[in-house]
Each structure stands twice: as C-alpha cells, then as structure tokens.
N, C-alpha and C. Protein backbone atom coordinates (compact mmCIF):
# COMPACT_ATOMS: atom_id res chain seq x y z
N MET A 1 0.83 -1.20 0.00
CA MET A 1 0.00 0.00 0.00
C MET A 1 0.87 1.26 0.00
N LYS A 2 1.95 1.25 0.82
CA LYS A 2 2.82 2.42 0.88
C LYS A 2 3.51 2.67 -0.46
N ILE A 3 3.89 1.60 -1.14
CA ILE A 3 4.55 1.74 -2.44
C ILE A 3 3.59 2.36 -3.45
N MET A 4 2.33 1.92 -3.44
CA MET A 4 1.34 2.48 -4.35
C MET A 4 1.12 3.97 -4.07
N LEU A 5 1.04 4.33 -2.78
CA LEU A 5 0.84 5.72 -2.40
C LEU A 5 2.02 6.57 -2.83
N LYS A 6 3.23 6.09 -2.61
CA LYS A 6 4.42 6.84 -3.02
C LYS A 6 4.47 6.99 -4.54
N THR A 7 4.13 5.94 -5.26
CA THR A 7 4.12 5.99 -6.72
C THR A 7 3.10 7.02 -7.20
N PHE A 8 1.92 6.99 -6.59
CA PHE A 8 0.87 7.95 -6.95
C PHE A 8 1.33 9.38 -6.68
N LEU A 9 1.92 9.63 -5.52
CA LEU A 9 2.40 10.97 -5.19
C LEU A 9 3.49 11.43 -6.15
N CYS A 10 4.38 10.53 -6.52
CA CYS A 10 5.44 10.87 -7.48
C CYS A 10 4.84 11.24 -8.84
N LEU A 11 3.84 10.49 -9.27
CA LEU A 11 3.19 10.79 -10.54
C LEU A 11 2.49 12.15 -10.50
N CYS A 12 1.85 12.45 -9.36
CA CYS A 12 1.18 13.75 -9.20
C CYS A 12 2.20 14.88 -9.26
N LEU A 13 3.31 14.73 -8.54
CA LEU A 13 4.34 15.76 -8.55
C LEU A 13 4.95 15.90 -9.93
N PHE A 14 5.18 14.78 -10.62
CA PHE A 14 5.75 14.84 -11.97
C PHE A 14 4.83 15.61 -12.90
N SER A 15 3.53 15.33 -12.82
CA SER A 15 2.60 16.05 -13.70
C SER A 15 2.54 17.52 -13.32
N LEU A 16 2.64 17.82 -12.03
CA LEU A 16 2.66 19.21 -11.59
C LEU A 16 3.89 19.92 -12.14
N PHE A 17 5.07 19.30 -12.05
CA PHE A 17 6.30 19.92 -12.53
C PHE A 17 6.25 20.13 -14.03
N SER A 18 5.69 19.19 -14.76
CA SER A 18 5.64 19.36 -16.21
C SER A 18 4.74 20.52 -16.59
N VAL A 19 3.69 20.75 -15.83
CA VAL A 19 2.82 21.89 -16.09
C VAL A 19 3.53 23.18 -15.71
N ILE A 20 4.22 23.18 -14.57
CA ILE A 20 4.92 24.37 -14.13
C ILE A 20 5.99 24.76 -15.13
N ALA A 21 6.66 23.80 -15.71
CA ALA A 21 7.75 24.08 -16.64
C ALA A 21 7.25 24.86 -17.86
N GLU A 22 5.98 24.71 -18.21
CA GLU A 22 5.43 25.47 -19.33
C GLU A 22 5.28 26.93 -18.98
N ALA A 23 5.24 27.23 -17.72
CA ALA A 23 5.28 28.57 -17.15
C ALA A 23 4.06 29.44 -17.43
N LYS A 24 3.73 29.74 -18.66
CA LYS A 24 2.69 30.72 -18.90
C LYS A 24 1.28 30.14 -18.86
N GLU A 25 1.15 28.90 -18.63
CA GLU A 25 -0.18 28.32 -18.51
C GLU A 25 -0.20 27.31 -17.38
N TRP A 26 -1.39 27.06 -16.89
CA TRP A 26 -1.56 26.04 -15.86
C TRP A 26 -2.69 25.13 -16.34
N ARG A 27 -2.35 23.88 -16.60
CA ARG A 27 -3.32 22.88 -17.09
C ARG A 27 -4.10 23.37 -18.31
N GLY A 28 -3.45 24.11 -19.16
CA GLY A 28 -4.10 24.60 -20.37
C GLY A 28 -4.86 25.90 -20.20
N ILE A 29 -4.85 26.45 -19.00
CA ILE A 29 -5.51 27.74 -18.73
C ILE A 29 -4.43 28.82 -18.88
N ILE A 30 -4.69 29.79 -19.76
CA ILE A 30 -3.69 30.81 -20.09
C ILE A 30 -4.26 32.19 -19.78
N PRO A 31 -3.57 32.95 -18.92
CA PRO A 31 -4.04 34.32 -18.65
C PRO A 31 -4.16 35.14 -19.93
N MET A 32 -5.22 35.90 -20.02
CA MET A 32 -5.57 36.78 -21.14
C MET A 32 -5.98 36.04 -22.40
N GLN A 33 -6.02 34.72 -22.36
CA GLN A 33 -6.49 33.94 -23.50
C GLN A 33 -7.66 33.05 -23.11
N SER A 34 -7.61 32.48 -21.94
CA SER A 34 -8.68 31.57 -21.48
C SER A 34 -9.81 32.35 -20.83
N THR A 35 -10.96 31.69 -20.73
CA THR A 35 -12.15 32.30 -20.13
C THR A 35 -12.65 31.43 -18.98
N ARG A 36 -13.64 31.96 -18.27
CA ARG A 36 -14.26 31.20 -17.20
C ARG A 36 -14.83 29.88 -17.74
N ALA A 37 -15.37 29.91 -18.95
CA ALA A 37 -15.92 28.69 -19.55
C ALA A 37 -14.81 27.65 -19.74
N ASP A 38 -13.62 28.08 -20.15
CA ASP A 38 -12.48 27.16 -20.28
C ASP A 38 -12.10 26.57 -18.92
N VAL A 39 -12.06 27.44 -17.91
CA VAL A 39 -11.71 26.98 -16.56
C VAL A 39 -12.72 25.95 -16.08
N THR A 40 -14.01 26.22 -16.28
CA THR A 40 -15.05 25.29 -15.84
C THR A 40 -14.97 23.97 -16.60
N ARG A 41 -14.65 24.04 -17.89
CA ARG A 41 -14.49 22.82 -18.68
C ARG A 41 -13.33 21.98 -18.16
N ILE A 42 -12.24 22.63 -17.76
CA ILE A 42 -11.04 21.92 -17.31
C ILE A 42 -11.13 21.48 -15.85
N LEU A 43 -11.63 22.36 -14.98
CA LEU A 43 -11.63 22.08 -13.53
C LEU A 43 -13.00 21.79 -12.94
N GLY A 44 -14.04 22.03 -13.71
CA GLY A 44 -15.39 21.86 -13.17
C GLY A 44 -15.87 23.16 -12.55
N LYS A 45 -17.06 23.12 -12.00
CA LYS A 45 -17.64 24.30 -11.37
C LYS A 45 -16.94 24.54 -10.04
N SER A 46 -16.59 25.78 -9.79
CA SER A 46 -15.92 26.13 -8.54
C SER A 46 -16.92 26.09 -7.39
N PRO A 47 -16.52 25.49 -6.27
CA PRO A 47 -17.41 25.47 -5.11
C PRO A 47 -17.49 26.84 -4.44
N ASP A 48 -16.59 27.74 -4.83
CA ASP A 48 -16.51 29.05 -4.19
C ASP A 48 -16.13 30.08 -5.25
N ALA A 49 -17.11 30.57 -5.98
CA ALA A 49 -16.83 31.52 -7.06
C ALA A 49 -17.80 32.69 -6.99
N ASN A 50 -17.35 33.81 -7.55
CA ASN A 50 -18.23 34.96 -7.75
C ASN A 50 -17.83 35.60 -9.08
N HIS A 51 -18.30 36.80 -9.35
CA HIS A 51 -18.03 37.41 -10.66
C HIS A 51 -16.57 37.82 -10.84
N ILE A 52 -15.81 37.86 -9.76
CA ILE A 52 -14.41 38.30 -9.81
C ILE A 52 -13.43 37.13 -9.84
N ARG A 53 -13.73 36.06 -9.11
CA ARG A 53 -12.75 34.99 -8.93
C ARG A 53 -13.40 33.63 -8.71
N ALA A 54 -12.53 32.61 -8.78
CA ALA A 54 -12.97 31.23 -8.48
C ALA A 54 -11.85 30.56 -7.70
N ASN A 55 -12.24 29.72 -6.75
CA ASN A 55 -11.29 28.95 -5.95
C ASN A 55 -11.51 27.47 -6.21
N TYR A 56 -10.41 26.74 -6.27
CA TYR A 56 -10.45 25.29 -6.42
C TYR A 56 -9.49 24.69 -5.41
N TYR A 57 -9.95 23.67 -4.73
CA TYR A 57 -9.14 22.98 -3.73
C TYR A 57 -8.85 21.59 -4.27
N LEU A 58 -7.64 21.42 -4.78
CA LEU A 58 -7.24 20.18 -5.42
C LEU A 58 -6.28 19.41 -4.54
N ASP A 59 -6.02 18.16 -4.88
CA ASP A 59 -5.10 17.34 -4.10
C ASP A 59 -3.72 17.98 -3.98
N GLU A 60 -3.25 18.61 -5.06
CA GLU A 60 -1.90 19.18 -5.04
C GLU A 60 -1.84 20.59 -4.45
N GLY A 61 -2.99 21.25 -4.27
CA GLY A 61 -2.98 22.57 -3.68
C GLY A 61 -4.21 23.39 -4.02
N HIS A 62 -4.14 24.67 -3.68
CA HIS A 62 -5.23 25.60 -3.87
C HIS A 62 -5.00 26.42 -5.14
N ILE A 63 -6.03 26.57 -5.95
CA ILE A 63 -5.97 27.37 -7.16
C ILE A 63 -6.95 28.54 -7.00
N TYR A 64 -6.45 29.73 -7.26
CA TYR A 64 -7.25 30.96 -7.18
C TYR A 64 -7.14 31.62 -8.55
N ILE A 65 -8.26 31.86 -9.20
CA ILE A 65 -8.26 32.44 -10.55
C ILE A 65 -9.06 33.73 -10.54
N VAL A 66 -8.47 34.79 -11.12
CA VAL A 66 -9.12 36.10 -11.20
C VAL A 66 -9.61 36.32 -12.63
N PHE A 67 -10.85 36.83 -12.74
CA PHE A 67 -11.47 37.06 -14.04
C PHE A 67 -11.74 38.55 -14.26
N ALA A 68 -11.74 38.96 -15.53
CA ALA A 68 -12.13 40.32 -15.89
C ALA A 68 -13.63 40.47 -15.67
N ASN A 69 -14.02 41.70 -15.27
CA ASN A 69 -15.44 41.98 -15.07
C ASN A 69 -15.68 43.47 -15.28
N ASP A 70 -16.95 43.83 -15.38
CA ASP A 70 -17.33 45.22 -15.70
C ASP A 70 -17.05 46.22 -14.57
N ASP A 71 -16.98 45.76 -13.34
CA ASP A 71 -16.77 46.70 -12.24
C ASP A 71 -15.35 46.62 -11.67
N ALA A 72 -14.39 46.31 -12.53
CA ALA A 72 -12.99 46.20 -12.13
C ALA A 72 -12.41 47.57 -11.80
N TYR A 73 -11.35 47.56 -11.03
CA TYR A 73 -10.65 48.79 -10.64
C TYR A 73 -9.94 49.43 -11.84
N TYR A 74 -9.32 48.62 -12.67
CA TYR A 74 -8.56 49.13 -13.81
C TYR A 74 -9.48 49.28 -15.03
N ASP A 75 -9.39 50.42 -15.70
CA ASP A 75 -10.23 50.69 -16.88
C ASP A 75 -10.00 49.66 -17.98
N CYS A 76 -8.73 49.27 -18.20
CA CYS A 76 -8.47 48.32 -19.28
C CYS A 76 -9.13 46.96 -19.03
N VAL A 77 -9.29 46.58 -17.76
CA VAL A 77 -9.96 45.31 -17.44
C VAL A 77 -11.43 45.40 -17.85
N LYS A 78 -12.04 46.56 -17.65
CA LYS A 78 -13.45 46.76 -18.02
C LYS A 78 -13.67 46.62 -19.53
N LYS A 79 -12.62 46.85 -20.31
CA LYS A 79 -12.73 46.78 -21.76
C LYS A 79 -12.50 45.36 -22.30
N LEU A 80 -12.00 44.47 -21.46
CA LEU A 80 -11.78 43.08 -21.87
C LEU A 80 -13.10 42.33 -21.89
N PRO A 81 -13.17 41.25 -22.64
CA PRO A 81 -14.38 40.41 -22.55
C PRO A 81 -14.56 39.92 -21.11
N VAL A 82 -15.77 40.03 -20.60
CA VAL A 82 -16.07 39.56 -19.25
C VAL A 82 -15.67 38.09 -19.13
N ASP A 83 -15.11 37.75 -17.99
CA ASP A 83 -14.69 36.39 -17.65
C ASP A 83 -13.39 35.93 -18.32
N THR A 84 -12.61 36.89 -18.85
CA THR A 84 -11.27 36.56 -19.32
C THR A 84 -10.40 36.29 -18.10
N VAL A 85 -9.59 35.25 -18.14
CA VAL A 85 -8.68 34.94 -17.03
C VAL A 85 -7.56 35.98 -17.01
N LEU A 86 -7.36 36.60 -15.83
CA LEU A 86 -6.30 37.59 -15.66
C LEU A 86 -5.10 37.01 -14.92
N LEU A 87 -5.37 36.17 -13.94
CA LEU A 87 -4.34 35.68 -13.04
C LEU A 87 -4.69 34.29 -12.54
N ILE A 88 -3.69 33.43 -12.47
CA ILE A 88 -3.84 32.10 -11.88
C ILE A 88 -2.83 32.02 -10.74
N GLN A 89 -3.32 31.74 -9.56
CA GLN A 89 -2.44 31.64 -8.40
C GLN A 89 -2.52 30.23 -7.83
N PHE A 90 -1.37 29.59 -7.72
CA PHE A 90 -1.29 28.22 -7.21
C PHE A 90 -0.52 28.20 -5.90
N THR A 91 -1.13 27.63 -4.87
CA THR A 91 -0.47 27.45 -3.58
C THR A 91 -0.36 25.96 -3.34
N PRO A 92 0.87 25.40 -3.42
CA PRO A 92 1.02 23.95 -3.24
C PRO A 92 0.74 23.51 -1.81
N LYS A 93 0.18 22.31 -1.65
CA LYS A 93 -0.09 21.74 -0.34
C LYS A 93 1.16 21.17 0.29
N ARG A 94 1.91 20.42 -0.48
CA ARG A 94 3.06 19.69 0.04
C ARG A 94 4.34 20.47 -0.17
N GLY A 95 5.35 20.10 0.61
CA GLY A 95 6.65 20.74 0.48
C GLY A 95 7.19 20.61 -0.94
N LEU A 96 7.51 21.72 -1.52
CA LEU A 96 8.01 21.78 -2.88
C LEU A 96 9.14 22.79 -2.86
N SER A 97 10.33 22.36 -3.24
CA SER A 97 11.46 23.29 -3.22
C SER A 97 11.61 23.94 -4.59
N LEU A 98 12.30 25.05 -4.60
CA LEU A 98 12.54 25.77 -5.85
C LEU A 98 13.34 24.90 -6.81
N THR A 99 14.26 24.12 -6.32
CA THR A 99 15.06 23.25 -7.19
C THR A 99 14.21 22.15 -7.81
N ASP A 100 13.13 21.75 -7.13
CA ASP A 100 12.22 20.74 -7.69
C ASP A 100 11.59 21.21 -9.00
N LEU A 101 11.46 22.52 -9.18
CA LEU A 101 10.81 23.06 -10.38
C LEU A 101 11.71 23.00 -11.61
N LYS A 102 13.01 22.81 -11.39
CA LYS A 102 13.96 22.67 -12.49
C LYS A 102 13.86 23.82 -13.50
N LEU A 103 13.88 25.03 -12.98
CA LEU A 103 13.81 26.22 -13.81
C LEU A 103 15.20 26.85 -13.94
N ASP A 104 15.42 27.55 -15.01
CA ASP A 104 16.65 28.30 -15.20
C ASP A 104 16.47 29.64 -14.49
N LEU A 105 16.96 29.74 -13.27
CA LEU A 105 16.76 30.95 -12.47
C LEU A 105 17.50 32.15 -13.02
N ASN A 106 18.41 31.94 -13.95
CA ASN A 106 19.07 33.07 -14.61
C ASN A 106 18.09 33.89 -15.44
N LYS A 107 16.95 33.30 -15.77
CA LYS A 107 15.93 33.99 -16.55
C LYS A 107 14.92 34.72 -15.66
N PHE A 108 15.15 34.68 -14.36
CA PHE A 108 14.25 35.28 -13.38
C PHE A 108 14.91 36.46 -12.68
N LYS A 109 14.10 37.46 -12.37
CA LYS A 109 14.55 38.57 -11.54
C LYS A 109 14.18 38.21 -10.10
N LYS A 110 15.15 38.26 -9.21
CA LYS A 110 14.91 37.94 -7.80
C LYS A 110 14.53 39.22 -7.06
N PHE A 111 13.55 39.12 -6.15
CA PHE A 111 13.12 40.28 -5.36
C PHE A 111 12.58 39.80 -4.01
N ASP A 112 12.44 40.71 -3.10
CA ASP A 112 11.89 40.40 -1.78
C ASP A 112 10.45 40.89 -1.75
N PRO A 113 9.47 39.98 -1.71
CA PRO A 113 8.07 40.39 -1.76
C PRO A 113 7.47 40.82 -0.42
N SER A 114 8.27 40.78 0.63
CA SER A 114 7.71 40.98 1.97
C SER A 114 7.94 42.37 2.53
N GLU A 115 7.04 42.76 3.41
CA GLU A 115 7.16 43.95 4.25
C GLU A 115 6.90 43.48 5.67
N PRO A 116 7.84 43.58 6.56
CA PRO A 116 9.19 44.10 6.40
C PRO A 116 10.05 43.16 5.54
N LYS A 117 11.14 43.70 5.06
CA LYS A 117 12.07 42.95 4.21
C LYS A 117 12.90 41.96 5.05
N ASP A 118 13.52 41.02 4.34
CA ASP A 118 14.50 40.09 4.93
C ASP A 118 13.94 39.24 6.07
N ILE A 119 12.74 38.67 5.84
CA ILE A 119 12.18 37.77 6.86
C ILE A 119 12.05 36.34 6.33
N GLY A 120 12.71 36.06 5.20
CA GLY A 120 12.74 34.69 4.69
C GLY A 120 12.02 34.46 3.37
N PHE A 121 11.26 35.44 2.89
CA PHE A 121 10.56 35.29 1.61
C PHE A 121 11.48 35.73 0.47
N GLU A 122 11.38 35.03 -0.66
CA GLU A 122 12.09 35.42 -1.87
C GLU A 122 11.12 35.28 -3.04
N GLY A 123 11.14 36.26 -3.92
CA GLY A 123 10.31 36.23 -5.11
C GLY A 123 11.17 36.09 -6.34
N TYR A 124 10.63 35.42 -7.35
CA TYR A 124 11.31 35.21 -8.63
C TYR A 124 10.32 35.53 -9.72
N LEU A 125 10.70 36.46 -10.61
CA LEU A 125 9.80 36.92 -11.66
C LEU A 125 10.44 36.70 -13.03
N ASN A 126 9.69 36.03 -13.92
CA ASN A 126 10.08 35.90 -15.31
C ASN A 126 8.92 36.48 -16.12
N GLU A 127 9.07 37.75 -16.49
CA GLU A 127 7.98 38.43 -17.20
C GLU A 127 7.74 37.84 -18.58
N GLU A 128 8.80 37.39 -19.25
CA GLU A 128 8.66 36.82 -20.60
C GLU A 128 7.78 35.57 -20.58
N GLU A 129 7.91 34.76 -19.54
CA GLU A 129 7.12 33.54 -19.43
C GLU A 129 5.82 33.75 -18.65
N GLY A 130 5.67 34.90 -18.01
CA GLY A 130 4.46 35.15 -17.23
C GLY A 130 4.41 34.31 -15.98
N LEU A 131 5.52 34.26 -15.25
CA LEU A 131 5.61 33.39 -14.08
C LEU A 131 6.23 34.13 -12.90
N ILE A 132 5.58 34.02 -11.74
CA ILE A 132 6.11 34.58 -10.50
C ILE A 132 6.09 33.46 -9.47
N ILE A 133 7.20 33.27 -8.78
CA ILE A 133 7.30 32.24 -7.75
C ILE A 133 7.71 32.90 -6.44
N VAL A 134 7.07 32.52 -5.35
CA VAL A 134 7.44 33.00 -4.03
C VAL A 134 7.84 31.79 -3.20
N THR A 135 8.99 31.93 -2.53
CA THR A 135 9.44 30.89 -1.61
C THR A 135 9.55 31.48 -0.22
N TYR A 136 9.46 30.59 0.75
CA TYR A 136 9.72 30.97 2.13
C TYR A 136 10.73 29.99 2.68
N LYS A 137 11.90 30.49 2.97
CA LYS A 137 13.01 29.68 3.47
C LYS A 137 13.26 28.48 2.56
N GLY A 138 13.21 28.73 1.24
CA GLY A 138 13.53 27.70 0.26
C GLY A 138 12.37 26.85 -0.22
N GLU A 139 11.24 26.91 0.44
CA GLU A 139 10.07 26.11 0.03
C GLU A 139 9.10 26.98 -0.76
N VAL A 140 8.60 26.43 -1.87
CA VAL A 140 7.66 27.18 -2.72
C VAL A 140 6.38 27.42 -1.96
N ASN A 141 6.03 28.69 -1.87
CA ASN A 141 4.85 29.13 -1.14
C ASN A 141 3.70 29.46 -2.09
N GLN A 142 4.05 29.95 -3.29
CA GLN A 142 3.03 30.41 -4.24
C GLN A 142 3.64 30.49 -5.63
N ILE A 143 2.84 30.16 -6.64
CA ILE A 143 3.23 30.31 -8.03
C ILE A 143 2.09 31.04 -8.73
N ASP A 144 2.42 32.18 -9.36
CA ASP A 144 1.42 32.96 -10.09
C ASP A 144 1.73 32.91 -11.58
N TYR A 145 0.68 32.74 -12.35
CA TYR A 145 0.76 32.76 -13.81
C TYR A 145 0.07 34.04 -14.26
N ILE A 146 0.81 34.87 -14.98
CA ILE A 146 0.26 36.13 -15.47
C ILE A 146 0.42 36.17 -16.99
N ALA A 147 -0.14 37.19 -17.60
CA ALA A 147 -0.04 37.32 -19.06
C ALA A 147 1.41 37.54 -19.49
N THR A 148 1.73 37.02 -20.65
CA THR A 148 3.04 37.27 -21.25
C THR A 148 3.02 38.67 -21.87
N PRO A 149 4.19 39.22 -22.20
CA PRO A 149 4.23 40.59 -22.77
C PRO A 149 3.32 40.78 -23.98
N LYS A 150 3.22 39.78 -24.84
CA LYS A 150 2.36 39.88 -26.03
C LYS A 150 0.90 40.13 -25.63
N ASP A 151 0.41 39.38 -24.65
CA ASP A 151 -0.98 39.52 -24.22
C ASP A 151 -1.17 40.66 -23.23
N ARG A 152 -0.11 41.03 -22.53
CA ARG A 152 -0.18 42.10 -21.54
C ARG A 152 -0.56 43.43 -22.18
N LYS A 153 -0.28 43.56 -23.46
CA LYS A 153 -0.60 44.80 -24.18
C LYS A 153 -2.10 45.10 -24.16
N LEU A 154 -2.91 44.08 -23.98
CA LEU A 154 -4.37 44.27 -23.95
C LEU A 154 -4.83 44.99 -22.68
N CYS A 155 -4.01 44.93 -21.64
CA CYS A 155 -4.35 45.58 -20.37
C CYS A 155 -3.07 45.86 -19.58
N PRO A 156 -2.26 46.78 -20.09
CA PRO A 156 -0.95 47.01 -19.47
C PRO A 156 -1.00 47.51 -18.04
N GLU A 157 -2.01 48.31 -17.68
CA GLU A 157 -2.03 48.83 -16.32
C GLU A 157 -2.27 47.74 -15.27
N TYR A 158 -2.98 46.68 -15.63
CA TYR A 158 -3.20 45.58 -14.68
C TYR A 158 -1.88 44.87 -14.36
N TYR A 159 -1.01 44.77 -15.34
CA TYR A 159 0.24 44.02 -15.20
C TYR A 159 1.47 44.92 -15.04
N ASN A 160 1.30 46.22 -14.83
CA ASN A 160 2.46 47.12 -14.83
C ASN A 160 3.42 46.89 -13.67
N ASN A 161 3.00 46.25 -12.61
CA ASN A 161 3.87 45.94 -11.48
C ASN A 161 3.55 44.53 -11.01
N PRO A 162 4.05 43.51 -11.70
CA PRO A 162 3.66 42.14 -11.38
C PRO A 162 4.02 41.69 -9.97
N GLU A 163 5.01 42.32 -9.36
CA GLU A 163 5.39 41.95 -7.99
C GLU A 163 4.24 42.17 -7.01
N LYS A 164 3.29 43.07 -7.36
CA LYS A 164 2.17 43.36 -6.46
C LYS A 164 1.28 42.12 -6.24
N PHE A 165 1.28 41.21 -7.20
CA PHE A 165 0.43 40.02 -7.07
C PHE A 165 0.87 39.11 -5.93
N VAL A 166 2.13 39.20 -5.56
CA VAL A 166 2.67 38.29 -4.54
C VAL A 166 3.18 39.03 -3.31
N ARG A 167 2.79 40.27 -3.16
CA ARG A 167 3.24 41.07 -2.01
C ARG A 167 2.75 40.45 -0.72
N ILE A 168 3.64 40.40 0.26
CA ILE A 168 3.34 39.81 1.57
C ILE A 168 3.60 40.86 2.63
N VAL A 169 2.56 41.22 3.36
CA VAL A 169 2.71 42.20 4.45
C VAL A 169 2.53 41.46 5.76
N VAL A 170 3.57 41.52 6.59
CA VAL A 170 3.55 40.84 7.88
C VAL A 170 3.56 41.93 8.97
N GLY A 171 2.63 41.82 9.86
CA GLY A 171 2.69 42.81 10.94
C GLY A 171 1.39 43.05 11.61
C-alpha cells in the first residue's frame, strides 16, 4: 500500500512539474487567452466563485483564478471580454522546493516580496514567461501565472507591477 501511495504521489508531482515548466499556462488555462468557460471545462464548477474569482481545492494545492469583469478597478480590465482569465495563483499543499521546479533561475529577476524585508521570503519573476514564484526559506509558497508581454498589451495597467500580485505584508 505504501509503495502504491508513493508511486501515486510521485506521478502527481511529476505532472505538476511538467505543467509548471510550461510557465505561462496552468493545465491549459492561459491568462488573457482563457475564459471562465475554459476553466469550468477543465476544472469543473468552482465550489466558491463569484463574478471576480474562483477557488479550487485540489489534491496538489489551492488554485485561485481572477477574471475580468465590468466593475474592475482598472479601466483596461473593463474593456476586456467579461470572464477573461487575468491571473492564476497556485499554492502547493506539500513541500516543494525551488530546485524541484527545475527552472533556469538566470531567466528570473529575484526580489523580496515581503514587508518588512528580509524575513525569509524570496520572489522570482520571469515576465517573458508570465511566471512569478514565491518561496519561504527555500520552500515554494506560491506560483502565479500572469499574461506574457504579447498579451499584456491588452491591459498594461493591470500588469504594470507584477510583484504586487505576490506582495506579503507581515505585521
């Protein structure tokens, strides 16, 4: 039984890593290209959704997806088709290290997403791939998928400071 469970967990992690490696999409959901209908087709109906977002609680972690809507804060979001995916945020359940992701960190800009600074959080941003990763003391805490530069042109003010999506305020 333990061998089957370990094999299953390894397969789940392998499939997770292969999706992460694609960077700009998560399970075929692509910011600024996919819609709520695509998300529902892929993940099913969210048990906790409203006109702004949907939450999914999966075996590998929590998925939070933000959609465009008419009453958005940014004007450019209001001009997008309603229910366009803007952001996909993945919070893994199990311990996942940055090295497990097998990414070329030379392609990432490193930053500190926390206030106050220097409390153990590290952020990694690859704008070309539309990927932001946050770690805490070496363990992946959050992975955000945002629009790539090509698609970001449709709503530049929403994506003008991608680090804001992963800002952590402690205090």
